[in-house]
Amino acid sequence: MNLGHIEYCLNVKNLEKSLAFYRSLGFEDEYIQIDRKYAILKYRNSILGLFQGHISENLINFRGGNVPEIYQFMINLEIPTENKVLNEDGSGEFLIHDPDGNGVYFDTSPKELEK
């Protein structure tokens, strides 16, 4: 099963300070929306999302996988899920937590689906 590629999502208190910090580490701007309080940065093959007021916890985010298939896989494993949105085209989103309470988010738009 293809879970997709990993992106990291951080809940930040001050987007501009966080942007300055990660830029100083060598991250480059991928998509910045200061007015909407989020930014997507890239470092080599890694993607980092900075979100001020959009998420309540830091997350590992899997993107590109067929979300309904992944969701069914989690249900078969009896892993509790939250915030389920499943679409017939393979897109959607849902959240699980690992045994330590860390958020693992699956989120794919139709144009991101990996074959």
PDB file of N, CA and C in Angstrom:
ATOM      1  N   MET A   1       0.837  -1.183   0.000  1.00  0.00           N
ATOM      2  CA  MET A   1       0.000   0.000   0.000  1.00  0.00           C
ATOM      3  C   MET A   1       0.881   1.245   0.000  1.00  0.00           C
ATOM      4  N   ASN A   2       0.469   2.223  -0.771  1.00  0.00           N
ATOM      5  CA  ASN A   2       1.178   3.492  -0.848  1.00  0.00           C
ATOM      6  C   ASN A   2       0.515   4.483   0.102  1.00  0.00           C
ATOM      7  N   LEU A   3       1.210   4.831   1.185  1.00  0.00           N
ATOM      8  CA  LEU A   3       0.694   5.826   2.114  1.00  0.00           C
ATOM      9  C   LEU A   3       0.874   7.240   1.592  1.00  0.00           C
ATOM     10  N   GLY A   4       1.718   7.409   0.576  1.00  0.00           N
ATOM     11  CA  GLY A   4       2.023   8.730   0.046  1.00  0.00           C
ATOM     12  C   GLY A   4       3.368   9.207   0.555  1.00  0.00           C
ATOM     13  N   HIS A   5       3.680  10.457   0.273  1.00  0.00           N
ATOM     14  CA  HIS A   5       4.939  11.026   0.746  1.00  0.00           C
ATOM     15  C   HIS A   5       4.684  11.811   2.030  1.00  0.00           C
ATOM     16  N   ILE A   6       5.727  11.953   2.827  1.00  0.00           N
ATOM     17  CA  ILE A   6       5.601  12.595   4.140  1.00  0.00           C
ATOM     18  C   ILE A   6       5.910  14.087   4.043  1.00  0.00           C
ATOM     19  N   GLU A   7       5.043  14.848   4.680  1.00  0.00           N
ATOM     20  CA  GLU A   7       5.289  16.259   4.927  1.00  0.00           C
ATOM     21  C   GLU A   7       5.119  16.481   6.429  1.00  0.00           C
ATOM     22  N   TYR A   8       5.792  17.471   6.953  1.00  0.00           N
ATOM     23  CA  TYR A   8       5.708  17.772   8.380  1.00  0.00           C
ATOM     24  C   TYR A   8       4.910  19.056   8.557  1.00  0.00           C
ATOM     25  N   CYS A   9       3.992  19.052   9.500  1.00  0.00           N
ATOM     26  CA  CYS A   9       3.133  20.209   9.756  1.00  0.00           C
ATOM     27  C   CYS A   9       3.337  20.659  11.195  1.00  0.00           C
ATOM     28  N   LEU A  10       3.737  21.904  11.356  1.00  0.00           N
ATOM     29  CA  LEU A  10       3.979  22.439  12.688  1.00  0.00           C
ATOM     30  C   LEU A  10       2.972  23.520  13.032  1.00  0.00           C
ATOM     31  N   ASN A  11       2.456  23.444  14.238  1.00  0.00           N
ATOM     32  CA  ASN A  11       1.584  24.459  14.791  1.00  0.00           C
ATOM     33  C   ASN A  11       2.491  25.538  15.380  1.00  0.00           C
ATOM     34  N   VAL A  12       2.508  26.724  14.781  1.00  0.00           N
ATOM     35  CA  VAL A  12       3.411  27.786  15.235  1.00  0.00           C
ATOM     36  C   VAL A  12       2.623  28.915  15.893  1.00  0.00           C
ATOM     37  N   LYS A  13       3.293  29.603  16.806  1.00  0.00           N
ATOM     38  CA  LYS A  13       2.668  30.722  17.505  1.00  0.00           C
ATOM     39  C   LYS A  13       2.804  32.023  16.721  1.00  0.00           C
ATOM     40  N   ASN A  14       3.924  32.181  15.994  1.00  0.00           N
ATOM     41  CA  ASN A  14       4.176  33.393  15.238  1.00  0.00           C
ATOM     42  C   ASN A  14       4.771  32.992  13.894  1.00  0.00           C
ATOM     43  N   LEU A  15       3.973  33.070  12.849  1.00  0.00           N
ATOM     44  CA  LEU A  15       4.390  32.606  11.534  1.00  0.00           C
ATOM     45  C   LEU A  15       5.642  33.331  11.037  1.00  0.00           C
ATOM     46  N   GLU A  16       5.692  34.627  11.174  1.00  0.00           N
ATOM     47  CA  GLU A  16       6.827  35.379  10.646  1.00  0.00           C
ATOM     48  C   GLU A  16       8.131  35.021  11.357  1.00  0.00           C
ATOM     49  N   LYS A  17       8.092  34.843  12.678  1.00  0.00           N
ATOM     50  CA  LYS A  17       9.292  34.423  13.409  1.00  0.00           C
ATOM     51  C   LYS A  17       9.714  33.016  12.996  1.00  0.00           C
ATOM     52  N   SER A  18       8.741  32.121  12.827  1.00  0.00           N
ATOM     53  CA  SER A  18       9.050  30.753  12.425  1.00  0.00           C
ATOM     54  C   SER A  18       9.627  30.720  11.011  1.00  0.00           C
ATOM     55  N   LEU A  19       9.059  31.519  10.112  1.00  0.00           N
ATOM     56  CA  LEU A  19       9.599  31.614   8.756  1.00  0.00           C
ATOM     57  C   LEU A  19      11.060  32.066   8.773  1.00  0.00           C
ATOM     58  N   ALA A  20      11.347  33.089   9.537  1.00  0.00           N
ATOM     59  CA  ALA A  20      12.720  33.590   9.621  1.00  0.00           C
ATOM     60  C   ALA A  20      13.657  32.502  10.149  1.00  0.00           C
ATOM     61  N   PHE A  21      13.210  31.779  11.159  1.00  0.00           N
ATOM     62  CA  PHE A  21      14.033  30.717  11.732  1.00  0.00           C
ATOM     63  C   PHE A  21      14.337  29.624  10.706  1.00  0.00           C
ATOM     64  N   TYR A  22      13.300  29.093  10.055  1.00  0.00           N
ATOM     65  CA  TYR A  22      13.517  27.991   9.117  1.00  0.00           C
ATOM     66  C   TYR A  22      14.253  28.440   7.857  1.00  0.00           C
ATOM     67  N   ARG A  23      14.040  29.669   7.433  1.00  0.00           N
ATOM     68  CA  ARG A  23      14.809  30.201   6.305  1.00  0.00           C
ATOM     69  C   ARG A  23      16.299  30.272   6.669  1.00  0.00           C
ATOM     70  N   SER A  24      16.590  30.632   7.917  1.00  0.00           N
ATOM     71  CA  SER A  24      17.996  30.718   8.341  1.00  0.00           C
ATOM     72  C   SER A  24      18.660  29.345   8.349  1.00  0.00           C
ATOM     73  N   LEU A  25      17.867  28.284   8.455  1.00  0.00           N
ATOM     74  CA  LEU A  25      18.390  26.913   8.403  1.00  0.00           C
ATOM     75  C   LEU A  25      18.546  26.402   6.976  1.00  0.00           C
ATOM     76  N   GLY A  26      18.115  27.193   6.000  1.00  0.00           N
ATOM     77  CA  GLY A  26      18.271  26.806   4.608  1.00  0.00           C
ATOM     78  C   GLY A  26      16.993  26.388   3.908  1.00  0.00           C
ATOM     79  N   PHE A  27      15.844  26.434   4.588  1.00  0.00           N
ATOM     80  CA  PHE A  27      14.575  26.121   3.932  1.00  0.00           C
ATOM     81  C   PHE A  27      14.246  27.226   2.933  1.00  0.00           C
ATOM     82  N   GLU A  28      13.622  26.841   1.832  1.00  0.00           N
ATOM     83  CA  GLU A  28      13.228  27.791   0.804  1.00  0.00           C
ATOM     84  C   GLU A  28      11.706  27.854   0.712  1.00  0.00           C
ATOM     85  N   ASP A  29      11.210  29.024   0.342  1.00  0.00           N
ATOM     86  CA  ASP A  29       9.764  29.225   0.215  1.00  0.00           C
ATOM     87  C   ASP A  29       9.211  28.387  -0.935  1.00  0.00           C
ATOM     88  N   GLU A  30       8.162  27.662  -0.662  1.00  0.00           N
ATOM     89  CA  GLU A  30       7.445  26.905  -1.686  1.00  0.00           C
ATOM     90  C   GLU A  30       6.110  27.602  -1.981  1.00  0.00           C
ATOM     91  N   TYR A  31       5.377  27.949  -0.917  1.00  0.00           N
ATOM     92  CA  TYR A  31       4.083  28.615  -1.054  1.00  0.00           C
ATOM     93  C   TYR A  31       3.818  29.360   0.252  1.00  0.00           C
ATOM     94  N   ILE A  32       3.724  30.663   0.202  1.00  0.00           N
ATOM     95  CA  ILE A  32       3.584  31.477   1.403  1.00  0.00           C
ATOM     96  C   ILE A  32       2.270  32.259   1.343  1.00  0.00           C
ATOM     97  N   GLN A  33       1.500  32.187   2.412  1.00  0.00           N
ATOM     98  CA  GLN A  33       0.249  32.946   2.538  1.00  0.00           C
ATOM     99  C   GLN A  33       0.234  33.618   3.913  1.00  0.00           C
ATOM    100  N   ILE A  34       0.994  34.685   4.052  1.00  0.00           N
ATOM    101  CA  ILE A  34       1.093  35.385   5.340  1.00  0.00           C
ATOM    102  C   ILE A  34      -0.284  35.805   5.834  1.00  0.00           C
ATOM    103  N   ASP A  35      -1.118  36.357   4.940  1.00  0.00           N
ATOM    104  CA  ASP A  35      -2.436  36.838   5.337  1.00  0.00           C
ATOM    105  C   ASP A  35      -3.358  35.704   5.787  1.00  0.00           C
ATOM    106  N   ARG A  36      -3.115  34.494   5.299  1.00  0.00           N
ATOM    107  CA  ARG A  36      -3.926  33.334   5.707  1.00  0.00           C
ATOM    108  C   ARG A  36      -3.228  32.509   6.783  1.00  0.00           C
ATOM    109  N   LYS A  37      -2.066  32.978   7.244  1.00  0.00           N
ATOM    110  CA  LYS A  37      -1.325  32.406   8.377  1.00  0.00           C
ATOM    111  C   LYS A  37      -0.799  30.997   8.131  1.00  0.00           C
ATOM    112  N   TYR A  38      -0.276  30.745   6.920  1.00  0.00           N
ATOM    113  CA  TYR A  38       0.427  29.484   6.705  1.00  0.00           C
ATOM    114  C   TYR A  38       1.491  29.633   5.637  1.00  0.00           C
ATOM    115  N   ALA A  39       2.460  28.732   5.703  1.00  0.00           N
ATOM    116  CA  ALA A  39       3.562  28.745   4.747  1.00  0.00           C
ATOM    117  C   ALA A  39       4.028  27.310   4.516  1.00  0.00           C
ATOM    118  N   ILE A  40       4.411  27.026   3.289  1.00  0.00           N
ATOM    119  CA  ILE A  40       4.978  25.733   2.923  1.00  0.00           C
ATOM    120  C   ILE A  40       6.418  25.984   2.490  1.00  0.00           C
ATOM    121  N   LEU A  41       7.348  25.297   3.136  1.00  0.00           N
ATOM    122  CA  LEU A  41       8.766  25.458   2.865  1.00  0.00           C
ATOM    123  C   LEU A  41       9.346  24.134   2.389  1.00  0.00           C
ATOM    124  N   LYS A  42      10.483  24.231   1.697  1.00  0.00           N
ATOM    125  CA  LYS A  42      11.125  23.026   1.194  1.00  0.00           C
ATOM    126  C   LYS A  42      12.606  23.056   1.546  1.00  0.00           C
ATOM    127  N   TYR A  43      13.111  21.904   1.953  1.00  0.00           N
ATOM    128  CA  TYR A  43      14.539  21.718   2.161  1.00  0.00           C
ATOM    129  C   TYR A  43      14.914  20.376   1.544  1.00  0.00           C
ATOM    130  N   ARG A  44      15.681  20.409   0.487  1.00  0.00           N
ATOM    131  CA  ARG A  44      16.006  19.223  -0.297  1.00  0.00           C
ATOM    132  C   ARG A  44      14.707  18.529  -0.694  1.00  0.00           C
ATOM    133  N   ASN A  45      14.487  17.300  -0.242  1.00  0.00           N
ATOM    134  CA  ASN A  45      13.259  16.579  -0.587  1.00  0.00           C
ATOM    135  C   ASN A  45      12.203  16.643   0.509  1.00  0.00           C
ATOM    136  N   SER A  46      12.426  17.476   1.509  1.00  0.00           N
ATOM    137  CA  SER A  46      11.489  17.559   2.635  1.00  0.00           C
ATOM    138  C   SER A  46      10.595  18.780   2.513  1.00  0.00           C
ATOM    139  N   ILE A  47       9.344  18.596   2.880  1.00  0.00           N
ATOM    140  CA  ILE A  47       8.360  19.683   2.893  1.00  0.00           C
ATOM    141  C   ILE A  47       7.963  19.941   4.340  1.00  0.00           C
ATOM    142  N   LEU A  48       7.919  21.220   4.693  1.00  0.00           N
ATOM    143  CA  LEU A  48       7.538  21.636   6.039  1.00  0.00           C
ATOM    144  C   LEU A  48       6.431  22.666   5.926  1.00  0.00           C
ATOM    145  N   GLY A  49       5.307  22.382   6.567  1.00  0.00           N
ATOM    146  CA  GLY A  49       4.211  23.337   6.629  1.00  0.00           C
ATOM    147  C   GLY A  49       4.200  24.024   7.978  1.00  0.00           C
ATOM    148  N   LEU A  50       4.087  25.332   7.975  1.00  0.00           N
ATOM    149  CA  LEU A  50       3.972  26.124   9.201  1.00  0.00           C
ATOM    150  C   LEU A  50       2.564  26.697   9.234  1.00  0.00           C
ATOM    151  N   PHE A  51       1.845  26.418  10.305  1.00  0.00           N
ATOM    152  CA  PHE A  51       0.438  26.803  10.391  1.00  0.00           C
ATOM    153  C   PHE A  51       0.175  27.536  11.700  1.00  0.00           C
ATOM    154  N   GLN A  52      -0.257  28.763  11.604  1.00  0.00           N
ATOM    155  CA  GLN A  52      -0.615  29.553  12.780  1.00  0.00           C
ATOM    156  C   GLN A  52      -2.133  29.587  12.890  1.00  0.00           C
ATOM    157  N   GLY A  53      -2.667  28.882  13.873  1.00  0.00           N
ATOM    158  CA  GLY A  53      -4.106  28.885  14.114  1.00  0.00           C
ATOM    159  C   GLY A  53      -4.904  27.921  13.256  1.00  0.00           C
ATOM    160  N   HIS A  54      -4.267  27.069  12.467  1.00  0.00           N
ATOM    161  CA  HIS A  54      -4.982  26.127  11.602  1.00  0.00           C
ATOM    162  C   HIS A  54      -5.035  24.714  12.168  1.00  0.00           C
ATOM    163  N   ILE A  55      -4.013  24.323  12.880  1.00  0.00           N
ATOM    164  CA  ILE A  55      -3.954  22.973  13.439  1.00  0.00           C
ATOM    165  C   ILE A  55      -3.685  23.080  14.934  1.00  0.00           C
ATOM    166  N   SER A  56      -4.141  22.088  15.679  1.00  0.00           N
ATOM    167  CA  SER A  56      -3.984  22.149  17.128  1.00  0.00           C
ATOM    168  C   SER A  56      -2.771  21.385  17.633  1.00  0.00           C
ATOM    169  N   GLU A  57      -2.120  20.635  16.732  1.00  0.00           N
ATOM    170  CA  GLU A  57      -0.969  19.834  17.150  1.00  0.00           C
ATOM    171  C   GLU A  57      -0.014  19.682  15.973  1.00  0.00           C
ATOM    172  N   ASN A  58       1.221  19.358  16.268  1.00  0.00           N
ATOM    173  CA  ASN A  58       2.185  19.048  15.216  1.00  0.00           C
ATOM    174  C   ASN A  58       1.820  17.698  14.619  1.00  0.00           C
ATOM    175  N   LEU A  59       1.976  17.566  13.307  1.00  0.00           N
ATOM    176  CA  LEU A  59       1.526  16.369  12.606  1.00  0.00           C
ATOM    177  C   LEU A  59       2.562  15.872  11.614  1.00  0.00           C
ATOM    178  N   ILE A  60       2.579  14.553  11.424  1.00  0.00           N
ATOM    179  CA  ILE A  60       3.177  13.972  10.231  1.00  0.00           C
ATOM    180  C   ILE A  60       2.030  13.881   9.245  1.00  0.00           C
ATOM    181  N   ASN A  61       2.232  14.380   8.047  1.00  0.00           N
ATOM    182  CA  ASN A  61       1.166  14.428   7.050  1.00  0.00           C
ATOM    183  C   ASN A  61       1.569  13.585   5.843  1.00  0.00           C
ATOM    184  N   PHE A  62       0.786  12.556   5.553  1.00  0.00           N
ATOM    185  CA  PHE A  62       0.999  11.753   4.353  1.00  0.00           C
ATOM    186  C   PHE A  62       0.116  12.293   3.245  1.00  0.00           C
ATOM    187  N   ARG A  63       0.725  12.603   2.095  1.00  0.00           N
ATOM    188  CA  ARG A  63      -0.003  13.151   0.956  1.00  0.00           C
ATOM    189  C   ARG A  63       0.263  12.298  -0.275  1.00  0.00           C
ATOM    190  N   GLY A  64      -0.749  12.129  -1.102  1.00  0.00           N
ATOM    191  CA  GLY A  64      -0.573  11.439  -2.374  1.00  0.00           C
ATOM    192  C   GLY A  64      -1.148  10.038  -2.420  1.00  0.00           C
ATOM    193  N   GLY A  65      -1.389   9.431  -1.267  1.00  0.00           N
ATOM    194  CA  GLY A  65      -1.954   8.087  -1.236  1.00  0.00           C
ATOM    195  C   GLY A  65      -3.461   8.104  -1.450  1.00  0.00           C
ATOM    196  N   ASN A  66      -4.022   6.956  -1.779  1.00  0.00           N
ATOM    197  CA  ASN A  66      -5.463   6.824  -1.953  1.00  0.00           C
ATOM    198  C   ASN A  66      -6.094   6.780  -0.560  1.00  0.00           C
ATOM    199  N   VAL A  67      -6.688   7.879  -0.150  1.00  0.00           N
ATOM    200  CA  VAL A  67      -7.158   8.040   1.226  1.00  0.00           C
ATOM    201  C   VAL A  67      -8.244   7.026   1.603  1.00  0.00           C
ATOM    202  N   PRO A  68      -9.255   6.777   0.762  1.00  0.00           N
ATOM    203  CA  PRO A  68     -10.237   5.762   1.153  1.00  0.00           C
ATOM    204  C   PRO A  68      -9.624   4.371   1.375  1.00  0.00           C
ATOM    205  N   GLU A  69      -8.647   3.989   0.558  1.00  0.00           N
ATOM    206  CA  GLU A  69      -7.986   2.698   0.742  1.00  0.00           C
ATOM    207  C   GLU A  69      -7.182   2.667   2.042  1.00  0.00           C
ATOM    208  N   ILE A  70      -6.468   3.748   2.316  1.00  0.00           N
ATOM    209  CA  ILE A  70      -5.683   3.830   3.550  1.00  0.00           C
ATOM    210  C   ILE A  70      -6.612   3.809   4.757  1.00  0.00           C
ATOM    211  N   TYR A  71      -7.716   4.525   4.655  1.00  0.00           N
ATOM    212  CA  TYR A  71      -8.696   4.555   5.742  1.00  0.00           C
ATOM    213  C   TYR A  71      -9.205   3.141   6.037  1.00  0.00           C
ATOM    214  N   GLN A  72      -9.569   2.393   5.008  1.00  0.00           N
ATOM    215  CA  GLN A  72     -10.060   1.028   5.209  1.00  0.00           C
ATOM    216  C   GLN A  72      -8.994   0.145   5.849  1.00  0.00           C
ATOM    217  N   PHE A  73      -7.739   0.348   5.455  1.00  0.00           N
ATOM    218  CA  PHE A  73      -6.610  -0.375   6.043  1.00  0.00           C
ATOM    219  C   PHE A  73      -6.543  -0.095   7.543  1.00  0.00           C
ATOM    220  N   MET A  74      -6.690   1.171   7.947  1.00  0.00           N
ATOM    221  CA  MET A  74      -6.665   1.536   9.374  1.00  0.00           C
ATOM    222  C   MET A  74      -7.843   0.926  10.121  1.00  0.00           C
ATOM    223  N   ILE A  75      -9.015   0.930   9.492  1.00  0.00           N
ATOM    224  CA  ILE A  75     -10.199   0.329  10.115  1.00  0.00           C
ATOM    225  C   ILE A  75      -9.965  -1.167  10.337  1.00  0.00           C
ATOM    226  N   ASN A  76      -9.383  -1.836   9.331  1.00  0.00           N
ATOM    227  CA  ASN A  76      -9.084  -3.264   9.462  1.00  0.00           C
ATOM    228  C   ASN A  76      -8.107  -3.539  10.596  1.00  0.00           C
ATOM    229  N   LEU A  77      -7.208  -2.592  10.847  1.00  0.00           N
ATOM    230  CA  LEU A  77      -6.261  -2.720  11.958  1.00  0.00           C
ATOM    231  C   LEU A  77      -6.860  -2.267  13.289  1.00  0.00           C
ATOM    232  N   GLU A  78      -8.108  -1.813  13.250  1.00  0.00           N
ATOM    233  CA  GLU A  78      -8.832  -1.312  14.423  1.00  0.00           C
ATOM    234  C   GLU A  78      -8.150  -0.094  15.045  1.00  0.00           C
ATOM    235  N   ILE A  79      -7.595   0.760  14.190  1.00  0.00           N
ATOM    236  CA  ILE A  79      -6.997   2.013  14.633  1.00  0.00           C
ATOM    237  C   ILE A  79      -8.076   3.097  14.572  1.00  0.00           C
ATOM    238  N   PRO A  80      -8.367   3.739  15.693  1.00  0.00           N
ATOM    239  CA  PRO A  80      -9.391   4.792  15.687  1.00  0.00           C
ATOM    240  C   PRO A  80      -9.005   5.951  14.768  1.00  0.00           C
ATOM    241  N   THR A  81      -9.988   6.487  14.070  1.00  0.00           N
ATOM    242  CA  THR A  81      -9.779   7.602  13.152  1.00  0.00           C
ATOM    243  C   THR A  81     -10.644   8.787  13.552  1.00  0.00           C
ATOM    244  N   GLU A  82     -10.251   9.967  13.063  1.00  0.00           N
ATOM    245  CA  GLU A  82     -11.000  11.197  13.323  1.00  0.00           C
ATOM    246  C   GLU A  82     -11.090  12.005  12.036  1.00  0.00           C
ATOM    247  N   ASN A  83     -12.071  12.876  11.968  1.00  0.00           N
ATOM    248  CA  ASN A  83     -12.191  13.888  10.901  1.00  0.00           C
ATOM    249  C   ASN A  83     -12.172  13.281   9.503  1.00  0.00           C
ATOM    250  N   LYS A  84     -12.953  12.262   9.292  1.00  0.00           N
ATOM    251  CA  LYS A  84     -12.956  11.519   8.034  1.00  0.00           C
ATOM    252  C   LYS A  84     -13.702  12.268   6.932  1.00  0.00           C
ATOM    253  N   VAL A  85     -13.030  12.444   5.783  1.00  0.00           N
ATOM    254  CA  VAL A  85     -13.644  12.903   4.541  1.00  0.00           C
ATOM    255  C   VAL A  85     -13.068  12.006   3.453  1.00  0.00           C
ATOM    256  N   LEU A  86     -13.913  11.174   2.840  1.00  0.00           N
ATOM    257  CA  LEU A  86     -13.460  10.229   1.821  1.00  0.00           C
ATOM    258  C   LEU A  86     -14.202  10.490   0.527  1.00  0.00           C
ATOM    259  N   ASN A  87     -13.472  10.536  -0.582  1.00  0.00           N
ATOM    260  CA  ASN A  87     -14.072  10.782  -1.890  1.00  0.00           C
ATOM    261  C   ASN A  87     -13.800   9.610  -2.827  1.00  0.00           C
ATOM    262  N   GLU A  88     -14.712   9.385  -3.748  1.00  0.00           N
ATOM    263  CA  GLU A  88     -14.604   8.254  -4.671  1.00  0.00           C
ATOM    264  C   GLU A  88     -13.366   8.327  -5.559  1.00  0.00           C
ATOM    265  N   ASP A  89     -12.841   9.529  -5.805  1.00  0.00           N
ATOM    266  CA  ASP A  89     -11.670   9.667  -6.679  1.00  0.00           C
ATOM    267  C   ASP A  89     -10.349   9.340  -5.985  1.00  0.00           C
ATOM    268  N   GLY A  90     -10.402   8.940  -4.697  1.00  0.00           N
ATOM    269  CA  GLY A  90      -9.195   8.597  -3.947  1.00  0.00           C
ATOM    270  C   GLY A  90      -8.695   9.714  -3.051  1.00  0.00           C
ATOM    271  N   SER A  91      -9.267  10.895  -3.194  1.00  0.00           N
ATOM    272  CA  SER A  91      -8.860  12.019  -2.353  1.00  0.00           C
ATOM    273  C   SER A  91      -9.607  11.960  -1.021  1.00  0.00           C
ATOM    274  N   GLY A  92      -9.203  12.821  -0.108  1.00  0.00           N
ATOM    275  CA  GLY A  92      -9.863  12.892   1.187  1.00  0.00           C
ATOM    276  C   GLY A  92      -8.880  13.187   2.290  1.00  0.00           C
ATOM    277  N   GLU A  93      -9.346  12.971   3.519  1.00  0.00           N
ATOM    278  CA  GLU A  93      -8.506  13.226   4.680  1.00  0.00           C
ATOM    279  C   GLU A  93      -9.045  12.490   5.894  1.00  0.00           C
ATOM    280  N   PHE A  94      -8.149  12.142   6.785  1.00  0.00           N
ATOM    281  CA  PHE A  94      -8.507  11.651   8.112  1.00  0.00           C
ATOM    282  C   PHE A  94      -7.266  11.695   8.995  1.00  0.00           C
ATOM    283  N   LEU A  95      -7.489  11.581  10.287  1.00  0.00           N
ATOM    284  CA  LEU A  95      -6.432  11.702  11.285  1.00  0.00           C
ATOM    285  C   LEU A  95      -6.431  10.469  12.170  1.00  0.00           C
ATOM    286  N   ILE A  96      -5.236   9.996  12.505  1.00  0.00           N
ATOM    287  CA  ILE A  96      -5.067   8.958  13.524  1.00  0.00           C
ATOM    288  C   ILE A  96      -4.009   9.450  14.506  1.00  0.00           C
ATOM    289  N   HIS A  97      -3.866   8.750  15.605  1.00  0.00           N
ATOM    290  CA  HIS A  97      -2.799   9.047  16.569  1.00  0.00           C
ATOM    291  C   HIS A  97      -2.025   7.766  16.850  1.00  0.00           C
ATOM    292  N   ASP A  98      -0.707   7.912  16.937  1.00  0.00           N
ATOM    293  CA  ASP A  98       0.113   6.754  17.265  1.00  0.00           C
ATOM    294  C   ASP A  98      -0.020   6.447  18.765  1.00  0.00           C
ATOM    295  N   PRO A  99       0.591   5.376  19.248  1.00  0.00           N
ATOM    296  CA  PRO A  99       0.432   5.007  20.664  1.00  0.00           C
ATOM    297  C   PRO A  99       0.883   6.077  21.652  1.00  0.00           C
ATOM    298  N   ASP A 100       1.735   7.012  21.210  1.00  0.00           N
ATOM    299  CA  ASP A 100       2.190   8.079  22.086  1.00  0.00           C
ATOM    300  C   ASP A 100       1.380   9.358  21.938  1.00  0.00           C
ATOM    301  N   GLY A 101       0.337   9.316  21.114  1.00  0.00           N
ATOM    302  CA  GLY A 101      -0.526  10.473  20.943  1.00  0.00           C
ATOM    303  C   GLY A 101      -0.115  11.423  19.837  1.00  0.00           C
ATOM    304  N   ASN A 102       0.910  11.075  19.069  1.00  0.00           N
ATOM    305  CA  ASN A 102       1.337  11.926  17.959  1.00  0.00           C
ATOM    306  C   ASN A 102       0.348  11.817  16.799  1.00  0.00           C
ATOM    307  N   GLY A 103       0.005  12.941  16.212  1.00  0.00           N
ATOM    308  CA  GLY A 103      -0.946  12.968  15.113  1.00  0.00           C
ATOM    309  C   GLY A 103      -0.323  12.522  13.801  1.00  0.00           C
ATOM    310  N   VAL A 104      -1.044  11.661  13.099  1.00  0.00           N
ATOM    311  CA  VAL A 104      -0.652  11.215  11.762  1.00  0.00           C
ATOM    312  C   VAL A 104      -1.847  11.507  10.858  1.00  0.00           C
ATOM    313  N   TYR A 105      -1.654  12.410   9.923  1.00  0.00           N
ATOM    314  CA  TYR A 105      -2.735  12.933   9.098  1.00  0.00           C
ATOM    315  C   TYR A 105      -2.558  12.443   7.663  1.00  0.00           C
ATOM    316  N   PHE A 106      -3.620  11.973   7.064  1.00  0.00           N
ATOM    317  CA  PHE A 106      -3.631  11.536   5.674  1.00  0.00           C
ATOM    318  C   PHE A 106      -4.507  12.520   4.912  1.00  0.00           C
ATOM    319  N   ASP A 107      -3.932  13.153   3.903  1.00  0.00           N
ATOM    320  CA  ASP A 107      -4.620  14.253   3.211  1.00  0.00           C
ATOM    321  C   ASP A 107      -4.148  14.285   1.761  1.00  0.00           C
ATOM    322  N   THR A 108      -5.045  14.087   0.829  1.00  0.00           N
ATOM    323  CA  THR A 108      -4.697  14.080  -0.586  1.00  0.00           C
ATOM    324  C   THR A 108      -5.790  14.780  -1.380  1.00  0.00           C
ATOM    325  N   SER A 109      -5.387  15.677  -2.273  1.00  0.00           N
ATOM    326  CA  SER A 109      -6.347  16.285  -3.195  1.00  0.00           C
ATOM    327  C   SER A 109      -6.338  15.460  -4.477  1.00  0.00           C
ATOM    328  N   PRO A 110      -7.358  15.579  -5.323  1.00  0.00           N
ATOM    329  CA  PRO A 110      -7.423  14.763  -6.543  1.00  0.00           C
ATOM    330  C   PRO A 110      -6.172  14.861  -7.426  1.00  0.00           C
ATOM    331  N   LYS A 111      -5.605  16.039  -7.566  1.00  0.00           N
ATOM    332  CA  LYS A 111      -4.450  16.182  -8.463  1.00  0.00           C
ATOM    333  C   LYS A 111      -3.137  15.694  -7.844  1.00  0.00           C
ATOM    334  N   GLU A 112      -3.143  15.320  -6.563  1.00  0.00           N
ATOM    335  CA  GLU A 112      -1.940  14.835  -5.897  1.00  0.00           C
ATOM    336  C   GLU A 112      -1.820  13.312  -5.893  1.00  0.00           C
ATOM    337  N   LEU A 113      -2.854  12.617  -6.286  1.00  0.00           N
ATOM    338  CA  LEU A 113      -2.856  11.160  -6.195  1.00  0.00           C
ATOM    339  C   LEU A 113      -1.660  10.556  -6.937  1.00  0.00           C
ATOM    340  N   GLU A 114      -0.895   9.744  -6.212  1.00  0.00           N
ATOM    341  CA  GLU A 114       0.247   9.046  -6.794  1.00  0.00           C
ATOM    342  C   GLU A 114      -0.226   7.713  -7.351  1.00  0.00           C
ATOM    343  N   LYS A 115       0.266   7.353  -8.501  1.00  0.00           N
ATOM    344  CA  LYS A 115      -0.123   6.082  -9.117  1.00  0.00           C
ATOM    345  C   LYS A 115       0.735   4.955  -8.616  1.00  0.00           C
TER     346      LYS A 115
END
